[in-house]
């Protein structure tokens, strides 16, 4: 399935926002949803709904991580 993730075209087999988030953040230790936000086609999806939010062909997903600093 083809979609856009953070502005880049991607082919993926994942079907939920939670699975996509896990794939995109697998390099982080420890994995935690804390500090992340996800927008699907321009609409923010609450973390409580990532597990049951289905992604489809052509969707646009933005995964945003809050970082402290200044």
PDB file of N, CA and C in Angstrom:
ATOM      1  N   UNK A   1       0.855  -1.167   0.000  1.00  0.00           N
ATOM      2  CA  UNK A   1       0.000   0.000   0.000  1.00  0.00           C
ATOM      3  C   UNK A   1       0.905   1.235   0.000  1.00  0.00           C
ATOM      4  N   UNK A   2       0.547   2.223  -0.791  1.00  0.00           N
ATOM      5  CA  UNK A   2       1.343   3.450  -0.911  1.00  0.00           C
ATOM      6  C   UNK A   2       0.661   4.572  -0.136  1.00  0.00           C
ATOM      7  N   UNK A   3       1.470   5.297   0.647  1.00  0.00           N
ATOM      8  CA  UNK A   3       0.972   6.447   1.407  1.00  0.00           C
ATOM      9  C   UNK A   3       2.111   7.445   1.552  1.00  0.00           C
ATOM     10  N   UNK A   4       1.807   8.591   2.125  1.00  0.00           N
ATOM     11  CA  UNK A   4       2.824   9.598   2.401  1.00  0.00           C
ATOM     12  C   UNK A   4       3.001   9.692   3.907  1.00  0.00           C
ATOM     13  N   UNK A   5       4.253   9.532   4.361  1.00  0.00           N
ATOM     14  CA  UNK A   5       4.570   9.620   5.784  1.00  0.00           C
ATOM     15  C   UNK A   5       5.605  10.721   5.957  1.00  0.00           C
ATOM     16  N   UNK A   6       5.244  11.741   6.716  1.00  0.00           N
ATOM     17  CA  UNK A   6       6.123  12.891   6.949  1.00  0.00           C
ATOM     18  C   UNK A   6       6.667  13.455   5.638  1.00  0.00           C
ATOM     19  N   UNK A   7       5.785  13.563   4.652  1.00  0.00           N
ATOM     20  CA  UNK A   7       6.140  14.181   3.383  1.00  0.00           C
ATOM     21  C   UNK A   7       6.851  13.280   2.392  1.00  0.00           C
ATOM     22  N   UNK A   8       7.093  12.009   2.743  1.00  0.00           N
ATOM     23  CA  UNK A   8       7.790  11.081   1.855  1.00  0.00           C
ATOM     24  C   UNK A   8       6.865   9.940   1.447  1.00  0.00           C
ATOM     25  N   UNK A   9       6.865   9.614   0.157  1.00  0.00           N
ATOM     26  CA  UNK A   9       6.069   8.485  -0.326  1.00  0.00           C
ATOM     27  C   UNK A   9       6.650   7.195   0.231  1.00  0.00           C
ATOM     28  N   UNK A  10       5.778   6.312   0.719  1.00  0.00           N
ATOM     29  CA  UNK A  10       6.206   5.033   1.301  1.00  0.00           C
ATOM     30  C   UNK A  10       5.298   3.920   0.832  1.00  0.00           C
ATOM     31  N   UNK A  11       5.884   2.741   0.694  1.00  0.00           N
ATOM     32  CA  UNK A  11       5.116   1.512   0.500  1.00  0.00           C
ATOM     33  C   UNK A  11       5.173   0.766   1.817  1.00  0.00           C
ATOM     34  N   UNK A  12       4.024   0.339   2.314  1.00  0.00           N
ATOM     35  CA  UNK A  12       3.980  -0.350   3.601  1.00  0.00           C
ATOM     36  C   UNK A  12       2.834  -1.350   3.623  1.00  0.00           C
ATOM     37  N   UNK A  13       2.954  -2.317   4.496  1.00  0.00           N
ATOM     38  CA  UNK A  13       1.902  -3.317   4.684  1.00  0.00           C
ATOM     39  C   UNK A  13       1.111  -3.073   5.965  1.00  0.00           C
ATOM     40  N   UNK A  14       1.524  -2.107   6.791  1.00  0.00           N
ATOM     41  CA  UNK A  14       0.822  -1.863   8.053  1.00  0.00           C
ATOM     42  C   UNK A  14      -0.562  -1.296   7.765  1.00  0.00           C
ATOM     43  N   UNK A  15      -1.493  -1.556   8.682  1.00  0.00           N
ATOM     44  CA  UNK A  15      -2.879  -1.157   8.451  1.00  0.00           C
ATOM     45  C   UNK A  15      -3.437  -0.207   9.497  1.00  0.00           C
ATOM     46  N   UNK A  16      -2.705   0.015  10.606  1.00  0.00           N
ATOM     47  CA  UNK A  16      -3.210   0.918  11.643  1.00  0.00           C
ATOM     48  C   UNK A  16      -2.167   1.983  11.945  1.00  0.00           C
ATOM     49  N   UNK A  17      -2.626   3.087  12.532  1.00  0.00           N
ATOM     50  CA  UNK A  17      -1.684   4.125  12.943  1.00  0.00           C
ATOM     51  C   UNK A  17      -0.704   3.593  13.977  1.00  0.00           C
ATOM     52  N   UNK A  18      -1.172   2.743  14.890  1.00  0.00           N
ATOM     53  CA  UNK A  18      -0.286   2.191  15.918  1.00  0.00           C
ATOM     54  C   UNK A  18       0.838   1.380  15.287  1.00  0.00           C
ATOM     55  N   UNK A  19       0.511   0.556  14.301  1.00  0.00           N
ATOM     56  CA  UNK A  19       1.530  -0.258  13.637  1.00  0.00           C
ATOM     57  C   UNK A  19       2.509   0.617  12.860  1.00  0.00           C
ATOM     58  N   UNK A  20       2.009   1.665  12.221  1.00  0.00           N
ATOM     59  CA  UNK A  20       2.888   2.580  11.493  1.00  0.00           C
ATOM     60  C   UNK A  20       3.800   3.315  12.463  1.00  0.00           C
ATOM     61  N   UNK A  21       3.236   3.811  13.574  1.00  0.00           N
ATOM     62  CA  UNK A  21       4.049   4.488  14.588  1.00  0.00           C
ATOM     63  C   UNK A  21       5.145   3.548  15.095  1.00  0.00           C
ATOM     64  N   UNK A  22       4.803   2.298  15.380  1.00  0.00           N
ATOM     65  CA  UNK A  22       5.782   1.324  15.877  1.00  0.00           C
ATOM     66  C   UNK A  22       6.896   1.100  14.858  1.00  0.00           C
ATOM     67  N   UNK A  23       6.544   0.997  13.587  1.00  0.00           N
ATOM     68  CA  UNK A  23       7.545   0.793  12.542  1.00  0.00           C
ATOM     69  C   UNK A  23       8.457   2.010  12.401  1.00  0.00           C
ATOM     70  N   UNK A  24       7.881   3.202  12.493  1.00  0.00           N
ATOM     71  CA  UNK A  24       8.651   4.434  12.311  1.00  0.00           C
ATOM     72  C   UNK A  24       9.527   4.777  13.516  1.00  0.00           C
ATOM     73  N   UNK A  25       9.196   4.247  14.680  1.00  0.00           N
ATOM     74  CA  UNK A  25       9.938   4.600  15.900  1.00  0.00           C
ATOM     75  C   UNK A  25      10.648   3.398  16.510  1.00  0.00           C
ATOM     76  N   UNK A  26      10.794   2.321  15.754  1.00  0.00           N
ATOM     77  CA  UNK A  26      11.401   1.087  16.270  1.00  0.00           C
ATOM     78  C   UNK A  26      12.817   1.308  16.789  1.00  0.00           C
ATOM     79  N   UNK A  27      13.500   2.321  16.306  1.00  0.00           N
ATOM     80  CA  UNK A  27      14.880   2.589  16.719  1.00  0.00           C
ATOM     81  C   UNK A  27      14.969   3.271  18.088  1.00  0.00           C
ATOM     82  N   UNK A  28      13.861   3.714  18.634  1.00  0.00           N
ATOM     83  CA  UNK A  28      13.875   4.420  19.919  1.00  0.00           C
ATOM     84  C   UNK A  28      13.862   3.438  21.084  1.00  0.00           C
ATOM     85  N   UNK A  29      14.613   3.754  22.119  1.00  0.00           N
ATOM     86  CA  UNK A  29      14.644   2.929  23.337  1.00  0.00           C
ATOM     87  C   UNK A  29      14.374   3.810  24.531  1.00  0.00           C
ATOM     88  N   UNK A  30      13.485   3.495  25.391  1.00  0.00           N
ATOM     89  CA  UNK A  30      12.430   2.501  25.195  1.00  0.00           C
ATOM     90  C   UNK A  30      11.321   3.093  24.342  1.00  0.00           C
ATOM     91  N   UNK A  31      10.595   2.266  23.613  1.00  0.00           N
ATOM     92  CA  UNK A  31       9.494   2.799  22.806  1.00  0.00           C
ATOM     93  C   UNK A  31       8.378   3.328  23.705  1.00  0.00           C
ATOM     94  N   UNK A  32       7.933   4.532  23.433  1.00  0.00           N
ATOM     95  CA  UNK A  32       6.868   5.141  24.226  1.00  0.00           C
ATOM     96  C   UNK A  32       6.093   6.108  23.342  1.00  0.00           C
ATOM     97  N   UNK A  33       4.784   6.098  23.469  1.00  0.00           N
ATOM     98  CA  UNK A  33       3.947   7.029  22.705  1.00  0.00           C
ATOM     99  C   UNK A  33       4.002   8.436  23.282  1.00  0.00           C
ATOM    100  N   UNK A  34       4.549   8.558  24.451  1.00  0.00           N
ATOM    101  CA  UNK A  34       4.613   9.856  25.118  1.00  0.00           C
ATOM    102  C   UNK A  34       5.425  10.845  24.278  1.00  0.00           C
ATOM    103  N   UNK A  35       4.883  12.020  24.088  1.00  0.00           N
ATOM    104  CA  UNK A  35       5.576  13.059  23.335  1.00  0.00           C
ATOM    105  C   UNK A  35       5.351  12.999  21.830  1.00  0.00           C
ATOM    106  N   UNK A  36       4.498  12.088  21.367  1.00  0.00           N
ATOM    107  CA  UNK A  36       4.217  11.971  19.941  1.00  0.00           C
ATOM    108  C   UNK A  36       2.792  12.412  19.632  1.00  0.00           C
ATOM    109  N   UNK A  37       2.618  12.917  18.428  1.00  0.00           N
ATOM    110  CA  UNK A  37       1.292  13.217  17.894  1.00  0.00           C
ATOM    111  C   UNK A  37       1.255  12.679  16.469  1.00  0.00           C
ATOM    112  N   UNK A  38       0.080  12.256  16.042  1.00  0.00           N
ATOM    113  CA  UNK A  38      -0.087  11.778  14.670  1.00  0.00           C
ATOM    114  C   UNK A  38      -1.281  12.486  14.051  1.00  0.00           C
ATOM    115  N   UNK A  39      -1.063  12.977  12.828  1.00  0.00           N
ATOM    116  CA  UNK A  39      -2.153  13.549  12.038  1.00  0.00           C
ATOM    117  C   UNK A  39      -2.387  12.640  10.837  1.00  0.00           C
ATOM    118  N   UNK A  40      -3.635  12.346  10.575  1.00  0.00           N
ATOM    119  CA  UNK A  40      -4.027  11.523   9.435  1.00  0.00           C
ATOM    120  C   UNK A  40      -4.852  12.398   8.504  1.00  0.00           C
ATOM    121  N   UNK A  41      -4.322  12.629   7.316  1.00  0.00           N
ATOM    122  CA  UNK A  41      -4.994  13.482   6.325  1.00  0.00           C
ATOM    123  C   UNK A  41      -5.367  14.842   6.913  1.00  0.00           C
ATOM    124  N   UNK A  42      -4.449  15.399   7.698  1.00  0.00           N
ATOM    125  CA  UNK A  42      -4.617  16.739   8.241  1.00  0.00           C
ATOM    126  C   UNK A  42      -5.382  16.835   9.546  1.00  0.00           C
ATOM    127  N   UNK A  43      -5.840  15.713  10.077  1.00  0.00           N
ATOM    128  CA  UNK A  43      -6.601  15.702  11.334  1.00  0.00           C
ATOM    129  C   UNK A  43      -5.825  14.953  12.408  1.00  0.00           C
ATOM    130  N   UNK A  44      -5.634  15.587  13.563  1.00  0.00           N
ATOM    131  CA  UNK A  44      -4.930  14.937  14.667  1.00  0.00           C
ATOM    132  C   UNK A  44      -5.779  13.790  15.201  1.00  0.00           C
ATOM    133  N   UNK A  45      -5.117  12.651  15.430  1.00  0.00           N
ATOM    134  CA  UNK A  45      -5.787  11.469  15.985  1.00  0.00           C
ATOM    135  C   UNK A  45      -5.249  11.251  17.394  1.00  0.00           C
ATOM    136  N   UNK A  46      -6.135  11.188  18.367  1.00  0.00           N
ATOM    137  CA  UNK A  46      -5.725  10.964  19.755  1.00  0.00           C
ATOM    138  C   UNK A  46      -5.016   9.620  19.874  1.00  0.00           C
ATOM    139  N   UNK A  47      -3.978   9.570  20.706  1.00  0.00           N
ATOM    140  CA  UNK A  47      -3.200   8.344  20.892  1.00  0.00           C
ATOM    141  C   UNK A  47      -4.080   7.170  21.311  1.00  0.00           C
ATOM    142  N   UNK A  48      -5.129   7.445  22.051  1.00  0.00           N
ATOM    143  CA  UNK A  48      -6.040   6.382  22.486  1.00  0.00           C
ATOM    144  C   UNK A  48      -6.728   5.697  21.303  1.00  0.00           C
ATOM    145  N   UNK A  49      -6.715   6.330  20.126  1.00  0.00           N
ATOM    146  CA  UNK A  49      -7.389   5.776  18.950  1.00  0.00           C
ATOM    147  C   UNK A  49      -6.424   5.228  17.899  1.00  0.00           C
ATOM    148  N   UNK A  50      -5.112   5.293  18.147  1.00  0.00           N
ATOM    149  CA  UNK A  50      -4.151   4.820  17.156  1.00  0.00           C
ATOM    150  C   UNK A  50      -4.338   3.342  16.836  1.00  0.00           C
ATOM    151  N   UNK A  51      -4.637   2.527  17.857  1.00  0.00           N
ATOM    152  CA  UNK A  51      -4.756   1.080  17.642  1.00  0.00           C
ATOM    153  C   UNK A  51      -5.896   0.708  16.702  1.00  0.00           C
ATOM    154  N   UNK A  52      -6.965   1.473  16.704  1.00  0.00           N
ATOM    155  CA  UNK A  52      -8.119   1.113  15.886  1.00  0.00           C
ATOM    156  C   UNK A  52      -8.359   2.052  14.705  1.00  0.00           C
ATOM    157  N   UNK A  53      -7.388   2.938  14.419  1.00  0.00           N
ATOM    158  CA  UNK A  53      -7.521   3.819  13.255  1.00  0.00           C
ATOM    159  C   UNK A  53      -6.831   3.167  12.061  1.00  0.00           C
ATOM    160  N   UNK A  54      -7.627   2.813  11.067  1.00  0.00           N
ATOM    161  CA  UNK A  54      -7.140   2.137   9.866  1.00  0.00           C
ATOM    162  C   UNK A  54      -6.583   3.173   8.893  1.00  0.00           C
ATOM    163  N   UNK A  55      -5.443   2.839   8.277  1.00  0.00           N
ATOM    164  CA  UNK A  55      -4.882   3.700   7.239  1.00  0.00           C
ATOM    165  C   UNK A  55      -5.101   3.032   5.886  1.00  0.00           C
ATOM    166  N   UNK A  56      -5.325   3.866   4.875  1.00  0.00           N
ATOM    167  CA  UNK A  56      -5.667   3.372   3.543  1.00  0.00           C
ATOM    168  C   UNK A  56      -4.696   3.900   2.499  1.00  0.00           C
ATOM    169  N   UNK A  57      -4.748   3.285   1.340  1.00  0.00           N
ATOM    170  CA  UNK A  57      -3.967   3.705   0.182  1.00  0.00           C
ATOM    171  C   UNK A  57      -4.151   5.207  -0.045  1.00  0.00           C
ATOM    172  N   UNK A  58      -3.036   5.914  -0.225  1.00  0.00           N
ATOM    173  CA  UNK A  58      -3.086   7.337  -0.529  1.00  0.00           C
ATOM    174  C   UNK A  58      -3.195   8.261   0.666  1.00  0.00           C
ATOM    175  N   UNK A  59      -3.311   7.702   1.876  1.00  0.00           N
ATOM    176  CA  UNK A  59      -3.407   8.553   3.067  1.00  0.00           C
ATOM    177  C   UNK A  59      -2.120   9.344   3.279  1.00  0.00           C
ATOM    178  N   UNK A  60      -2.264  10.474   3.956  1.00  0.00           N
ATOM    179  CA  UNK A  60      -1.130  11.313   4.353  1.00  0.00           C
ATOM    180  C   UNK A  60      -1.030  11.266   5.870  1.00  0.00           C
ATOM    181  N   UNK A  61       0.114  10.827   6.370  1.00  0.00           N
ATOM    182  CA  UNK A  61       0.327  10.694   7.810  1.00  0.00           C
ATOM    183  C   UNK A  61       1.525  11.547   8.214  1.00  0.00           C
ATOM    184  N   UNK A  62       1.343  12.313   9.260  1.00  0.00           N
ATOM    185  CA  UNK A  62       2.442  13.075   9.850  1.00  0.00           C
ATOM    186  C   UNK A  62       2.644  12.564  11.269  1.00  0.00           C
ATOM    187  N   UNK A  63       3.858  12.119  11.572  1.00  0.00           N
ATOM    188  CA  UNK A  63       4.208  11.674  12.920  1.00  0.00           C
ATOM    189  C   UNK A  63       5.142  12.730  13.490  1.00  0.00           C
ATOM    190  N   UNK A  64       4.714  13.352  14.569  1.00  0.00           N
ATOM    191  CA  UNK A  64       5.435  14.488  15.140  1.00  0.00           C
ATOM    192  C   UNK A  64       5.898  14.127  16.538  1.00  0.00           C
ATOM    193  N   UNK A  65       7.159  14.436  16.828  1.00  0.00           N
ATOM    194  CA  UNK A  65       7.718  14.169  18.152  1.00  0.00           C
ATOM    195  C   UNK A  65       8.078  15.489  18.814  1.00  0.00           C
ATOM    196  N   UNK A  66       7.564  15.691  20.015  1.00  0.00           N
ATOM    197  CA  UNK A  66       7.915  16.882  20.790  1.00  0.00           C
ATOM    198  C   UNK A  66       9.307  16.678  21.382  1.00  0.00           C
ATOM    199  N   UNK A  67      10.141  17.710  21.298  1.00  0.00           N
ATOM    200  CA  UNK A  67      11.498  17.630  21.816  1.00  0.00           C
ATOM    201  C   UNK A  67      11.747  18.846  22.696  1.00  0.00           C
ATOM    202  N   UNK A  68      12.304  18.610  23.867  1.00  0.00           N
ATOM    203  CA  UNK A  68      12.631  19.713  24.775  1.00  0.00           C
ATOM    204  C   UNK A  68      13.922  20.385  24.318  1.00  0.00           C
ATOM    205  N   UNK A  69      14.044  21.622  24.632  1.00  0.00           N
ATOM    206  CA  UNK A  69      15.266  22.336  24.272  1.00  0.00           C
ATOM    207  C   UNK A  69      14.974  23.806  24.050  1.00  0.00           C
ATOM    208  N   UNK A  70      16.005  24.502  23.708  1.00  0.00           N
ATOM    209  CA  UNK A  70      15.739  25.910  23.488  1.00  0.00           C
ATOM    210  C   UNK A  70      16.911  26.666  23.021  1.00  0.00           C
TER     211      UNK A  70
END
